[in-house]
């Protein structure tokens, strides 16, 4: 498995938003609702991480419910790579 850094995941997240004409703010505390990052965007990002690492990420409902900011998404995806 290839592991992605937080910065690499952030770059992938920026690409997902850029493809929709939106941009990723520099602030990891930015609220996902305010930047228009939806569950479908999260799914696309997760698939990109899986493609890049060659490994499947396993999500649980409590983990997904706690994401509200850009930093939360990055933290979760970094954490899931270590499971």
Protein backbone atom coordinates (compact mmCIF):
# COMPACT_ATOMS: atom_id res chain seq x y z
CA UNK A 1 0.00 0.00 0.00
CA UNK A 2 1.20 3.50 -0.84
CA UNK A 3 0.30 5.98 1.85
CA UNK A 4 -0.66 9.56 1.01
CA UNK A 5 0.40 12.49 3.14
CA UNK A 6 -2.07 15.01 4.46
CA UNK A 7 -0.79 17.48 1.85
CA UNK A 8 -1.36 14.98 -0.96
CA UNK A 9 -4.91 14.31 0.22
CA UNK A 10 -5.49 18.06 0.42
CA UNK A 11 -4.33 18.35 -3.20
CA UNK A 12 -6.81 15.65 -4.23
CA UNK A 13 -9.57 17.47 -2.33
CA UNK A 14 -8.68 20.68 -4.15
CA UNK A 15 -8.92 18.82 -7.48
CA UNK A 16 -12.40 17.52 -6.62
CA UNK A 17 -13.59 21.04 -5.87
CA UNK A 18 -11.74 22.57 -8.82
CA UNK A 19 -13.51 20.18 -11.22
CA UNK A 20 -16.76 21.80 -10.09
CA UNK A 21 -15.54 25.36 -10.37
CA UNK A 22 -14.98 25.76 -6.64
CA UNK A 23 -11.77 26.24 -4.71
CA UNK A 24 -10.42 24.79 -1.51
CA UNK A 25 -9.68 27.46 1.10
CA UNK A 26 -6.28 27.52 2.79
CA UNK A 27 -7.91 27.30 6.21
CA UNK A 28 -8.42 23.73 7.46
CA UNK A 29 -11.10 25.08 9.81
CA UNK A 30 -13.32 26.01 6.83
CA UNK A 31 -16.82 24.56 7.18
CA UNK A 32 -17.66 21.99 4.50
CA UNK A 33 -21.17 23.37 4.03
CA UNK A 34 -19.83 26.86 3.42
CA UNK A 35 -17.48 25.69 0.67
CA UNK A 36 -20.08 23.39 -0.87
CA UNK A 37 -18.26 20.12 -0.16
CA UNK A 38 -21.01 17.49 -0.12
CA UNK A 39 -21.14 13.78 0.62
CA UNK A 40 -20.79 13.02 -3.09
CA UNK A 41 -17.59 15.08 -3.13
CA UNK A 42 -16.34 13.13 -0.11
CA UNK A 43 -17.07 9.87 -1.93
CA UNK A 44 -15.14 11.04 -4.98
CA UNK A 45 -12.22 12.09 -2.79
CA UNK A 46 -12.24 8.74 -0.98
CA UNK A 47 -12.17 6.91 -4.31
CA UNK A 48 -9.23 9.01 -5.44
CA UNK A 49 -7.37 8.16 -2.23
CA UNK A 50 -8.15 4.47 -2.73
CA UNK A 51 -6.93 4.62 -6.33
CA UNK A 52 -3.72 6.36 -5.29
CA UNK A 53 -2.97 4.01 -2.40
CA UNK A 54 -4.20 0.80 -3.97
CA UNK A 55 -6.08 -0.01 -0.78
CA UNK A 56 -9.73 0.12 0.25
CA UNK A 57 -10.75 2.54 2.99
CA UNK A 58 -13.25 1.26 5.54
CA UNK A 59 -15.66 3.88 6.84
CA UNK A 60 -17.97 3.73 9.82
CA UNK A 61 -21.00 5.92 10.41
CA UNK A 62 -19.68 7.60 13.60
CA UNK A 63 -16.47 8.56 11.81
CA UNK A 64 -18.37 10.13 8.94
CA UNK A 65 -20.76 12.02 11.21
CA UNK A 66 -17.93 13.85 12.92
CA UNK A 67 -16.58 15.54 9.80
CA UNK A 68 -17.57 19.18 9.51
CA UNK A 69 -14.42 20.97 8.36
CA UNK A 70 -11.71 20.57 5.75
CA UNK A 71 -9.35 19.48 8.52
CA UNK A 72 -11.81 16.82 9.70
CA UNK A 73 -11.87 15.28 6.21
CA UNK A 74 -8.08 15.28 6.01
CA UNK A 75 -7.71 13.83 9.53
CA UNK A 76 -10.20 11.05 8.80
CA UNK A 77 -8.61 10.03 5.50
CA UNK A 78 -5.11 10.03 7.01
CA UNK A 79 -6.40 7.98 9.95
CA UNK A 80 -8.19 5.47 7.71
CA UNK A 81 -4.94 4.75 5.85
CA UNK A 82 -3.48 3.46 9.13
CA UNK A 83 -6.21 0.91 9.79
